[in-house]
Amino acid sequence: MSLPTPNRGLQVASLSKVKSAMDLLIAALPGLGPETEPGKKLLKCIEDLGKMVPPGTTSQGIENSMAQQLALQQRQQAPMDGLMRQMQQQQGGGAAPPPAPPPAAE
């Protein structure tokens, strides 16, 4: 009986997503400041992720492909987001209308 082997393509794609997340965390670090408590925790997370995704683990082509896929998903979702915002504004700022009172018993 052999053990199932992981799908290498899925692993590479997942590591690319982790790399993208790491890039976002790195971009957020200056705003927090590495000397603050949140900044120290963020720096620790970045260091830990960096061990999982060392330089050269993902290729520029894969990262570009992932970025294009994310942009496509955002473009596809945008009309629905706009429709939801419009519906919330029509309902008075997103709050659902209050329920109607029960009919009076006679």
C-alpha atoms as a PDB file:
ATOM      1  CA  MET A   1       0.000   0.000   0.000  1.00  0.00           C
ATOM      2  CA  SER A   2       1.471   3.317  -1.007  1.00  0.00           C
ATOM      3  CA  LEU A   3       0.791   6.657   0.579  1.00  0.00           C
ATOM      4  CA  PRO A   4      -0.822   9.345  -1.558  1.00  0.00           C
ATOM      5  CA  THR A   5       1.639  11.885  -2.853  1.00  0.00           C
ATOM      6  CA  PRO A   6       0.855  15.580  -2.680  1.00  0.00           C
ATOM      7  CA  ASN A   7       0.033  17.374  -5.894  1.00  0.00           C
ATOM      8  CA  ARG A   8       3.195  19.335  -6.693  1.00  0.00           C
ATOM      9  CA  GLY A   9       1.330  21.904  -8.771  1.00  0.00           C
ATOM     10  CA  LEU A  10      -1.039  22.686  -5.913  1.00  0.00           C
ATOM     11  CA  GLN A  11       1.890  22.977  -3.533  1.00  0.00           C
ATOM     12  CA  VAL A  12       3.679  25.474  -5.765  1.00  0.00           C
ATOM     13  CA  ALA A  13       0.497  27.507  -6.232  1.00  0.00           C
ATOM     14  CA  SER A  14      -0.120  27.518  -2.486  1.00  0.00           C
ATOM     15  CA  LEU A  15       3.450  28.588  -1.724  1.00  0.00           C
ATOM     16  CA  SER A  16       2.995  31.409  -4.208  1.00  0.00           C
ATOM     17  CA  LYS A  17      -0.092  32.553  -2.278  1.00  0.00           C
ATOM     18  CA  VAL A  18       1.895  32.440   0.957  1.00  0.00           C
ATOM     19  CA  LYS A  19       4.627  34.515  -0.721  1.00  0.00           C
ATOM     20  CA  SER A  20       2.015  37.087  -1.805  1.00  0.00           C
ATOM     21  CA  ALA A  21       0.669  37.259   1.737  1.00  0.00           C
ATOM     22  CA  MET A  22       4.212  37.715   3.001  1.00  0.00           C
ATOM     23  CA  ASP A  23       4.714  40.621   0.603  1.00  0.00           C
ATOM     24  CA  LEU A  24       1.564  42.298   1.980  1.00  0.00           C
ATOM     25  CA  LEU A  25       2.765  41.808   5.557  1.00  0.00           C
ATOM     26  CA  ILE A  26       6.162  43.263   4.680  1.00  0.00           C
ATOM     27  CA  ALA A  27       4.425  46.295   3.155  1.00  0.00           C
ATOM     28  CA  ALA A  28       2.376  46.754   6.357  1.00  0.00           C
ATOM     29  CA  LEU A  29       5.377  46.589   8.697  1.00  0.00           C
ATOM     30  CA  PRO A  30       6.647  50.189   8.262  1.00  0.00           C
ATOM     31  CA  GLY A  31       3.221  51.555   9.210  1.00  0.00           C
ATOM     32  CA  LEU A  32       3.262  49.653  12.486  1.00  0.00           C
ATOM     33  CA  GLY A  33       6.929  50.119  13.200  1.00  0.00           C
ATOM     34  CA  PRO A  34       9.058  47.070  13.954  1.00  0.00           C
ATOM     35  CA  GLU A  35       9.697  48.335  17.494  1.00  0.00           C
ATOM     36  CA  THR A  36       6.010  48.312  18.541  1.00  0.00           C
ATOM     37  CA  GLU A  37       4.348  45.228  20.012  1.00  0.00           C
ATOM     38  CA  PRO A  38       2.174  44.605  16.897  1.00  0.00           C
ATOM     39  CA  GLY A  39       5.199  45.274  14.699  1.00  0.00           C
ATOM     40  CA  LYS A  40       7.306  42.754  16.618  1.00  0.00           C
ATOM     41  CA  LYS A  41       4.611  40.101  16.235  1.00  0.00           C
ATOM     42  CA  LEU A  42       4.269  40.882  12.545  1.00  0.00           C
ATOM     43  CA  LEU A  43       8.026  40.682  12.079  1.00  0.00           C
ATOM     44  CA  LYS A  44       8.047  37.272  13.785  1.00  0.00           C
ATOM     45  CA  CYS A  45       5.291  36.049  11.432  1.00  0.00           C
ATOM     46  CA  ILE A  46       7.225  37.301   8.416  1.00  0.00           C
ATOM     47  CA  GLU A  47      10.363  35.523   9.617  1.00  0.00           C
ATOM     48  CA  ASP A  48       8.461  32.266  10.186  1.00  0.00           C
ATOM     49  CA  LEU A  49       6.807  32.441   6.767  1.00  0.00           C
ATOM     50  CA  GLY A  50      10.168  33.256   5.208  1.00  0.00           C
ATOM     51  CA  LYS A  51      11.462  29.902   6.423  1.00  0.00           C
ATOM     52  CA  MET A  52       8.585  28.182   4.632  1.00  0.00           C
ATOM     53  CA  VAL A  53       9.010  30.190   1.418  1.00  0.00           C
ATOM     54  CA  PRO A  54      12.716  30.921   0.995  1.00  0.00           C
ATOM     55  CA  PRO A  55      13.830  33.081  -1.933  1.00  0.00           C
ATOM     56  CA  GLY A  56      13.662  31.171  -5.201  1.00  0.00           C
ATOM     57  CA  THR A  57      10.867  28.854  -4.058  1.00  0.00           C
ATOM     58  CA  THR A  58       8.375  30.495  -6.384  1.00  0.00           C
ATOM     59  CA  SER A  59       9.008  31.819  -9.850  1.00  0.00           C
ATOM     60  CA  GLN A  60       8.143  35.273 -11.146  1.00  0.00           C
ATOM     61  CA  GLY A  61       5.857  33.663 -13.734  1.00  0.00           C
ATOM     62  CA  ILE A  62       3.795  31.911 -11.091  1.00  0.00           C
ATOM     63  CA  GLU A  63       3.561  35.087  -9.022  1.00  0.00           C
ATOM     64  CA  ASN A  64       2.439  37.055 -12.085  1.00  0.00           C
ATOM     65  CA  SER A  65      -0.150  34.398 -12.871  1.00  0.00           C
ATOM     66  CA  MET A  66      -1.487  34.504  -9.314  1.00  0.00           C
ATOM     67  CA  ALA A  67      -1.685  38.312  -9.436  1.00  0.00           C
ATOM     68  CA  GLN A  68      -3.600  38.169 -12.728  1.00  0.00           C
ATOM     69  CA  GLN A  69      -5.983  35.576 -11.302  1.00  0.00           C
ATOM     70  CA  LEU A  70      -6.637  37.736  -8.232  1.00  0.00           C
ATOM     71  CA  ALA A  71      -7.269  40.801 -10.398  1.00  0.00           C
ATOM     72  CA  LEU A  72      -9.720  38.828 -12.531  1.00  0.00           C
ATOM     73  CA  GLN A  73     -11.596  37.629  -9.444  1.00  0.00           C
ATOM     74  CA  GLN A  74     -11.821  41.199  -8.145  1.00  0.00           C
ATOM     75  CA  ARG A  75     -13.165  42.459 -11.483  1.00  0.00           C
ATOM     76  CA  GLN A  76     -15.762  39.695 -11.525  1.00  0.00           C
ATOM     77  CA  GLN A  77     -16.807  40.460  -7.945  1.00  0.00           C
ATOM     78  CA  ALA A  78     -16.951  44.259  -8.373  1.00  0.00           C
ATOM     79  CA  PRO A  79     -20.416  44.450 -10.001  1.00  0.00           C
ATOM     80  CA  MET A  80     -21.888  42.313  -7.229  1.00  0.00           C
ATOM     81  CA  ASP A  81     -20.215  44.457  -4.551  1.00  0.00           C
ATOM     82  CA  GLY A  82     -21.643  47.594  -6.148  1.00  0.00           C
ATOM     83  CA  LEU A  83     -25.105  46.069  -6.247  1.00  0.00           C
ATOM     84  CA  MET A  84     -24.876  45.099  -2.572  1.00  0.00           C
ATOM     85  CA  ARG A  85     -23.784  48.639  -1.607  1.00  0.00           C
ATOM     86  CA  GLN A  86     -26.644  50.108  -3.616  1.00  0.00           C
ATOM     87  CA  MET A  87     -29.160  47.815  -1.917  1.00  0.00           C
ATOM     88  CA  GLN A  88     -27.785  48.737   1.519  1.00  0.00           C
ATOM     89  CA  GLN A  89     -28.076  52.452   0.754  1.00  0.00           C
ATOM     90  CA  GLN A  90     -31.671  52.016  -0.366  1.00  0.00           C
ATOM     91  CA  GLN A  91     -32.438  50.276   2.925  1.00  0.00           C
ATOM     92  CA  GLY A  92     -31.094  53.182   4.922  1.00  0.00           C
ATOM     93  CA  GLY A  93     -27.413  52.562   5.438  1.00  0.00           C
ATOM     94  CA  GLY A  94     -27.373  48.818   5.464  1.00  0.00           C
ATOM     95  CA  ALA A  95     -29.737  48.236   8.359  1.00  0.00           C
ATOM     96  CA  ALA A  96     -32.605  45.923   7.652  1.00  0.00           C
ATOM     97  CA  PRO A  97     -36.039  47.509   8.004  1.00  0.00           C
ATOM     98  CA  PRO A  98     -37.690  46.818  11.367  1.00  0.00           C
ATOM     99  CA  PRO A  99     -40.156  43.940  11.402  1.00  0.00           C
ATOM    100  CA  ALA A 100     -43.817  44.799  11.078  1.00  0.00           C
ATOM    101  CA  PRO A 101     -45.764  44.670  14.347  1.00  0.00           C
ATOM    102  CA  PRO A 102     -48.001  41.620  14.780  1.00  0.00           C
ATOM    103  CA  PRO A 103     -51.661  42.145  13.866  1.00  0.00           C
ATOM    104  CA  ALA A 104     -53.844  43.280  16.765  1.00  0.00           C
ATOM    105  CA  ALA A 105     -56.109  40.618  18.206  1.00  0.00           C
ATOM    106  CA  GLU A 106     -59.792  41.522  18.158  1.00  0.00           C
END
